[in-house]
PDB file of N, CA and C in Angstrom:
ATOM      1  N   MET A   1      -0.042  27.033 170.063  1.00  0.00           N
ATOM      2  CA  MET A   1       1.227  26.706 170.585  1.00  0.00           C
ATOM      3  C   MET A   1       1.731  27.704 171.685  1.00  0.00           C
ATOM      4  N   THR A   2       1.499  28.942 171.384  1.00  0.00           N
ATOM      5  CA  THR A   2       1.903  29.985 172.380  1.00  0.00           C
ATOM      6  C   THR A   2       1.065  29.874 173.683  1.00  0.00           C
ATOM      7  N   LYS A   3      -0.191  29.580 173.530  1.00  0.00           N
ATOM      8  CA  LYS A   3      -1.034  29.426 174.714  1.00  0.00           C
ATOM      9  C   LYS A   3      -0.511  28.236 175.577  1.00  0.00           C
ATOM     10  N   PHE A   4      -0.155  27.198 174.871  1.00  0.00           N
ATOM     11  CA  PHE A   4       0.347  26.011 175.631  1.00  0.00           C
ATOM     12  C   PHE A   4       1.657  26.365 176.366  1.00  0.00           C
ATOM     13  N   LEU A   5       2.495  27.073 175.734  1.00  0.00           N
ATOM     14  CA  LEU A   5       3.825  27.456 176.346  1.00  0.00           C
ATOM     15  C   LEU A   5       3.583  28.299 177.547  1.00  0.00           C
ATOM     16  N   LEU A   6       2.685  29.313 177.371  1.00  0.00           N
ATOM     17  CA  LEU A   6       2.421  30.210 178.539  1.00  0.00           C
ATOM     18  C   LEU A   6       1.783  29.466 179.689  1.00  0.00           C
ATOM     19  N   LEU A   7       0.895  28.564 179.366  1.00  0.00           N
ATOM     20  CA  LEU A   7       0.257  27.718 180.392  1.00  0.00           C
ATOM     21  C   LEU A   7       1.269  26.865 181.108  1.00  0.00           C
ATOM     22  N   SER A   8       2.188  26.266 180.384  1.00  0.00           N
ATOM     23  CA  SER A   8       3.272  25.463 180.906  1.00  0.00           C
ATOM     24  C   SER A   8       4.129  26.284 181.845  1.00  0.00           C
ATOM     25  N   VAL A   9       4.518  27.418 181.463  1.00  0.00           N
ATOM     26  CA  VAL A   9       5.371  28.262 182.313  1.00  0.00           C
ATOM     27  C   VAL A   9       4.606  28.643 183.553  1.00  0.00           C
ATOM     28  N   LEU A  10       3.303  28.983 183.498  1.00  0.00           N
ATOM     29  CA  LEU A  10       2.499  29.359 184.644  1.00  0.00           C
ATOM     30  C   LEU A  10       2.425  28.135 185.648  1.00  0.00           C
ATOM     31  N   VAL A  11       2.190  26.971 185.112  1.00  0.00           N
ATOM     32  CA  VAL A  11       2.063  25.817 185.966  1.00  0.00           C
ATOM     33  C   VAL A  11       3.426  25.505 186.668  1.00  0.00           C
ATOM     34  N   PHE A  12       4.513  25.646 185.868  1.00  0.00           N
ATOM     35  CA  PHE A  12       5.814  25.454 186.466  1.00  0.00           C
ATOM     36  C   PHE A  12       6.094  26.464 187.598  1.00  0.00           C
ATOM     37  N   LEU A  13       5.858  27.718 187.362  1.00  0.00           N
ATOM     38  CA  LEU A  13       6.104  28.738 188.378  1.00  0.00           C
ATOM     39  C   LEU A  13       5.217  28.516 189.636  1.00  0.00           C
ATOM     40  N   THR A  14       4.044  28.109 189.383  1.00  0.00           N
ATOM     41  CA  THR A  14       3.063  27.973 190.533  1.00  0.00           C
ATOM     42  C   THR A  14       3.537  26.796 191.372  1.00  0.00           C
ATOM     43  N   GLY A  15       4.119  25.719 190.780  1.00  0.00           N
ATOM     44  CA  GLY A  15       4.550  24.565 191.509  1.00  0.00           C
ATOM     45  C   GLY A  15       5.889  24.804 192.188  1.00  0.00           C
ATOM     46  N   CYS A  16       6.579  25.848 191.925  1.00  0.00           N
ATOM     47  CA  CYS A  16       7.888  26.061 192.447  1.00  0.00           C
ATOM     48  C   CYS A  16       7.880  27.101 193.596  1.00  0.00           C
ATOM     49  N   GLY A  17       7.034  26.879 194.532  1.00  0.00           N
ATOM     50  CA  GLY A  17       6.922  27.892 195.637  1.00  0.00           C
ATOM     51  C   GLY A  17       8.120  27.823 196.529  1.00  0.00           C
ATOM     52  N   ASP A  18       8.490  28.905 197.091  1.00  0.00           N
ATOM     53  CA  ASP A  18       9.631  29.001 198.021  1.00  0.00           C
ATOM     54  C   ASP A  18       9.182  28.388 199.373  1.00  0.00           C
ATOM     55  N   PRO A  19       9.886  27.319 199.816  1.00  0.00           N
ATOM     56  CA  PRO A  19       9.470  26.649 201.081  1.00  0.00           C
ATOM     57  C   PRO A  19       9.589  27.645 202.260  1.00  0.00           C
ATOM     58  N   VAL A  20      10.483  28.585 202.279  1.00  0.00           N
ATOM     59  CA  VAL A  20      10.557  29.550 203.361  1.00  0.00           C
ATOM     60  C   VAL A  20       9.382  30.450 203.384  1.00  0.00           C
ATOM     61  N   GLU A  21       8.939  30.952 202.215  1.00  0.00           N
ATOM     62  CA  GLU A  21       7.826  31.784 202.188  1.00  0.00           C
ATOM     63  C   GLU A  21       6.494  31.077 202.509  1.00  0.00           C
ATOM     64  N   GLU A  22       6.428  29.783 202.174  1.00  0.00           N
ATOM     65  CA  GLU A  22       5.297  29.013 202.547  1.00  0.00           C
ATOM     66  C   GLU A  22       5.274  28.767 204.073  1.00  0.00           C
ATOM     67  N   CYS A  23       6.420  28.569 204.667  1.00  0.00           N
ATOM     68  CA  CYS A  23       6.510  28.390 206.156  1.00  0.00           C
ATOM     69  C   CYS A  23       6.111  29.698 206.791  1.00  0.00           C
ATOM     70  N   VAL A  24       6.586  30.861 206.309  1.00  0.00           N
ATOM     71  CA  VAL A  24       6.252  32.134 206.960  1.00  0.00           C
ATOM     72  C   VAL A  24       4.810  32.395 206.845  1.00  0.00           C
ATOM     73  N   LYS A  25       4.196  32.087 205.651  1.00  0.00           N
ATOM     74  CA  LYS A  25       2.757  32.304 205.509  1.00  0.00           C
ATOM     75  C   LYS A  25       1.922  31.537 206.491  1.00  0.00           C
ATOM     76  N   LYS A  26       2.283  30.251 206.636  1.00  0.00           N
ATOM     77  CA  LYS A  26       1.561  29.384 207.618  1.00  0.00           C
ATOM     78  C   LYS A  26       1.647  29.914 209.055  1.00  0.00           C
ATOM     79  N   LYS A  27       2.856  30.373 209.417  1.00  0.00           N
ATOM     80  CA  LYS A  27       3.018  30.944 210.786  1.00  0.00           C
ATOM     81  C   LYS A  27       2.289  32.226 210.900  1.00  0.00           C
ATOM     82  N   GLN A  28       2.270  33.070 209.898  1.00  0.00           N
ATOM     83  CA  GLN A  28       1.533  34.333 209.909  1.00  0.00           C
ATOM     84  C   GLN A  28       0.066  34.101 210.062  1.00  0.00           C
ATOM     85  N   ASP A  29      -0.484  33.208 209.289  1.00  0.00           N
ATOM     86  CA  ASP A  29      -1.897  32.905 209.348  1.00  0.00           C
ATOM     87  C   ASP A  29      -2.314  32.425 210.764  1.00  0.00           C
ATOM     88  N   SER A  30      -1.504  31.536 211.309  1.00  0.00           N
ATOM     89  CA  SER A  30      -1.781  31.024 212.616  1.00  0.00           C
ATOM     90  C   SER A  30      -1.725  32.134 213.664  1.00  0.00           C
ATOM     91  N   TRP A  31      -0.722  32.964 213.571  1.00  0.00           N
ATOM     92  CA  TRP A  31      -0.497  34.072 214.492  1.00  0.00           C
ATOM     93  C   TRP A  31      -1.636  35.111 214.455  1.00  0.00           C
ATOM     94  N   ARG A  32      -2.065  35.399 213.224  1.00  0.00           N
ATOM     95  CA  ARG A  32      -3.107  36.399 213.050  1.00  0.00           C
ATOM     96  C   ARG A  32      -4.509  35.896 213.619  1.00  0.00           C
ATOM     97  N   LYS A  33      -4.683  34.551 213.532  1.00  0.00           N
ATOM     98  CA  LYS A  33      -5.909  34.022 214.128  1.00  0.00           C
ATOM     99  C   LYS A  33      -5.860  34.122 215.623  1.00  0.00           C
ATOM    100  N   SER A  34      -4.700  33.927 216.219  1.00  0.00           N
ATOM    101  CA  SER A  34      -4.572  34.081 217.677  1.00  0.00           C
ATOM    102  C   SER A  34      -4.442  35.477 218.172  1.00  0.00           C
ATOM    103  N   ASN A  35      -4.115  36.430 217.245  1.00  0.00           N
ATOM    104  CA  ASN A  35      -3.909  37.807 217.641  1.00  0.00           C
ATOM    105  C   ASN A  35      -4.614  38.760 216.694  1.00  0.00           C
ATOM    106  N   PRO A  36      -5.971  38.676 216.598  1.00  0.00           N
ATOM    107  CA  PRO A  36      -6.634  39.437 215.518  1.00  0.00           C
ATOM    108  C   PRO A  36      -6.582  40.955 215.749  1.00  0.00           C
ATOM    109  N   ASN A  37      -6.353  41.419 216.955  1.00  0.00           N
ATOM    110  CA  ASN A  37      -6.333  42.856 217.247  1.00  0.00           C
ATOM    111  C   ASN A  37      -4.918  43.422 217.427  1.00  0.00           C
ATOM    112  N   ALA A  38      -3.901  42.698 217.078  1.00  0.00           N
ATOM    113  CA  ALA A  38      -2.554  43.103 217.318  1.00  0.00           C
ATOM    114  C   ALA A  38      -2.223  44.261 216.430  1.00  0.00           C
ATOM    115  N   ASP A  39      -1.423  45.205 216.954  1.00  0.00           N
ATOM    116  CA  ASP A  39      -1.038  46.418 216.218  1.00  0.00           C
ATOM    117  C   ASP A  39       0.052  46.059 215.167  1.00  0.00           C
ATOM    118  N   TYR A  40       0.316  47.036 214.323  1.00  0.00           N
ATOM    119  CA  TYR A  40       1.316  46.837 213.250  1.00  0.00           C
ATOM    120  C   TYR A  40       2.671  46.413 213.753  1.00  0.00           C
ATOM    121  N   GLY A  41       3.202  47.063 214.854  1.00  0.00           N
ATOM    122  CA  GLY A  41       4.437  46.814 215.385  1.00  0.00           C
ATOM    123  C   GLY A  41       4.615  45.395 215.813  1.00  0.00           C
ATOM    124  N   LYS A  42       3.611  44.847 216.492  1.00  0.00           N
ATOM    125  CA  LYS A  42       3.708  43.469 216.945  1.00  0.00           C
ATOM    126  C   LYS A  42       3.679  42.518 215.771  1.00  0.00           C
ATOM    127  N   SER A  43       2.807  42.825 214.770  1.00  0.00           N
ATOM    128  CA  SER A  43       2.770  42.007 213.588  1.00  0.00           C
ATOM    129  C   SER A  43       4.089  41.931 212.849  1.00  0.00           C
ATOM    130  N   THR A  44       4.763  43.110 212.761  1.00  0.00           N
ATOM    131  CA  THR A  44       6.037  43.174 212.045  1.00  0.00           C
ATOM    132  C   THR A  44       7.114  42.364 212.821  1.00  0.00           C
ATOM    133  N   THR A  45       7.094  42.539 214.117  1.00  0.00           N
ATOM    134  CA  THR A  45       8.125  41.821 214.968  1.00  0.00           C
ATOM    135  C   THR A  45       7.876  40.300 214.824  1.00  0.00           C
ATOM    136  N   ALA A  46       6.629  39.913 214.873  1.00  0.00           N
ATOM    137  CA  ALA A  46       6.291  38.489 214.741  1.00  0.00           C
ATOM    138  C   ALA A  46       6.759  37.959 213.344  1.00  0.00           C
ATOM    139  N   ASN A  47       6.488  38.725 212.326  1.00  0.00           N
ATOM    140  CA  ASN A  47       6.854  38.398 210.958  1.00  0.00           C
ATOM    141  C   ASN A  47       8.398  38.184 210.848  1.00  0.00           C
ATOM    142  N   GLU A  48       9.122  39.051 211.434  1.00  0.00           N
ATOM    143  CA  GLU A  48      10.582  38.960 211.376  1.00  0.00           C
ATOM    144  C   GLU A  48      11.057  37.657 212.089  1.00  0.00           C
ATOM    145  N   GLN A  49      10.464  37.318 213.203  1.00  0.00           N
ATOM    146  CA  GLN A  49      10.793  36.108 213.952  1.00  0.00           C
ATOM    147  C   GLN A  49      10.419  34.899 213.082  1.00  0.00           C
ATOM    148  N   PHE A  50       9.270  34.921 212.401  1.00  0.00           N
ATOM    149  CA  PHE A  50       8.940  33.800 211.554  1.00  0.00           C
ATOM    150  C   PHE A  50       9.914  33.597 210.377  1.00  0.00           C
ATOM    151  N   ARG A  51      10.332  34.667 209.838  1.00  0.00           N
ATOM    152  CA  ARG A  51      11.307  34.611 208.718  1.00  0.00           C
ATOM    153  C   ARG A  51      12.630  33.990 209.200  1.00  0.00           C
ATOM    154  N   LYS A  52      13.080  34.397 210.363  1.00  0.00           N
ATOM    155  CA  LYS A  52      14.349  33.827 210.910  1.00  0.00           C
ATOM    156  C   LYS A  52      14.158  32.326 211.233  1.00  0.00           C
ATOM    157  N   GLN A  53      13.032  31.961 211.838  1.00  0.00           N
ATOM    158  CA  GLN A  53      12.743  30.545 212.121  1.00  0.00           C
ATOM    159  C   GLN A  53      12.708  29.697 210.868  1.00  0.00           C
ATOM    160  N   CYS A  54      11.953  30.207 209.910  1.00  0.00           N
ATOM    161  CA  CYS A  54      11.791  29.358 208.702  1.00  0.00           C
ATOM    162  C   CYS A  54      13.049  29.360 207.878  1.00  0.00           C
ATOM    163  N   ALA A  55      13.851  30.398 207.842  1.00  0.00           N
ATOM    164  CA  ALA A  55      15.089  30.408 207.100  1.00  0.00           C
ATOM    165  C   ALA A  55      16.147  29.489 207.687  1.00  0.00           C
ATOM    166  N   SER A  56      16.023  29.262 209.051  1.00  0.00           N
ATOM    167  CA  SER A  56      16.978  28.436 209.715  1.00  0.00           C
ATOM    168  C   SER A  56      16.490  26.923 209.768  1.00  0.00           C
ATOM    169  N   GLY A  57      15.358  26.678 209.117  1.00  0.00           N
ATOM    170  CA  GLY A  57      14.859  25.329 209.081  1.00  0.00           C
ATOM    171  C   GLY A  57      13.841  25.016 210.166  1.00  0.00           C
ATOM    172  N   GLY A  58      13.611  25.956 211.032  1.00  0.00           N
ATOM    173  CA  GLY A  58      12.600  25.713 212.114  1.00  0.00           C
ATOM    174  C   GLY A  58      11.210  25.860 211.598  1.00  0.00           C
ATOM    175  N   LYS A  59      10.404  24.836 211.799  1.00  0.00           N
ATOM    176  CA  LYS A  59       9.031  24.893 211.298  1.00  0.00           C
ATOM    177  C   LYS A  59       8.160  24.938 212.441  1.00  0.00           C
TER     178      LYS A  59
END
């Protein structure tokens, strides 16, 4: 019974991903592919922009 409960909670939490975080991750992955040698500062700036875009509903 305990294993079933833990598994149910895990499945529930996995299915409840934050749409903003998912949007940011997609944008980050795409940006990293286009800019594989970018320095940390540029990556951080891009990440901040992605968070703003995704939080405001821009995909």
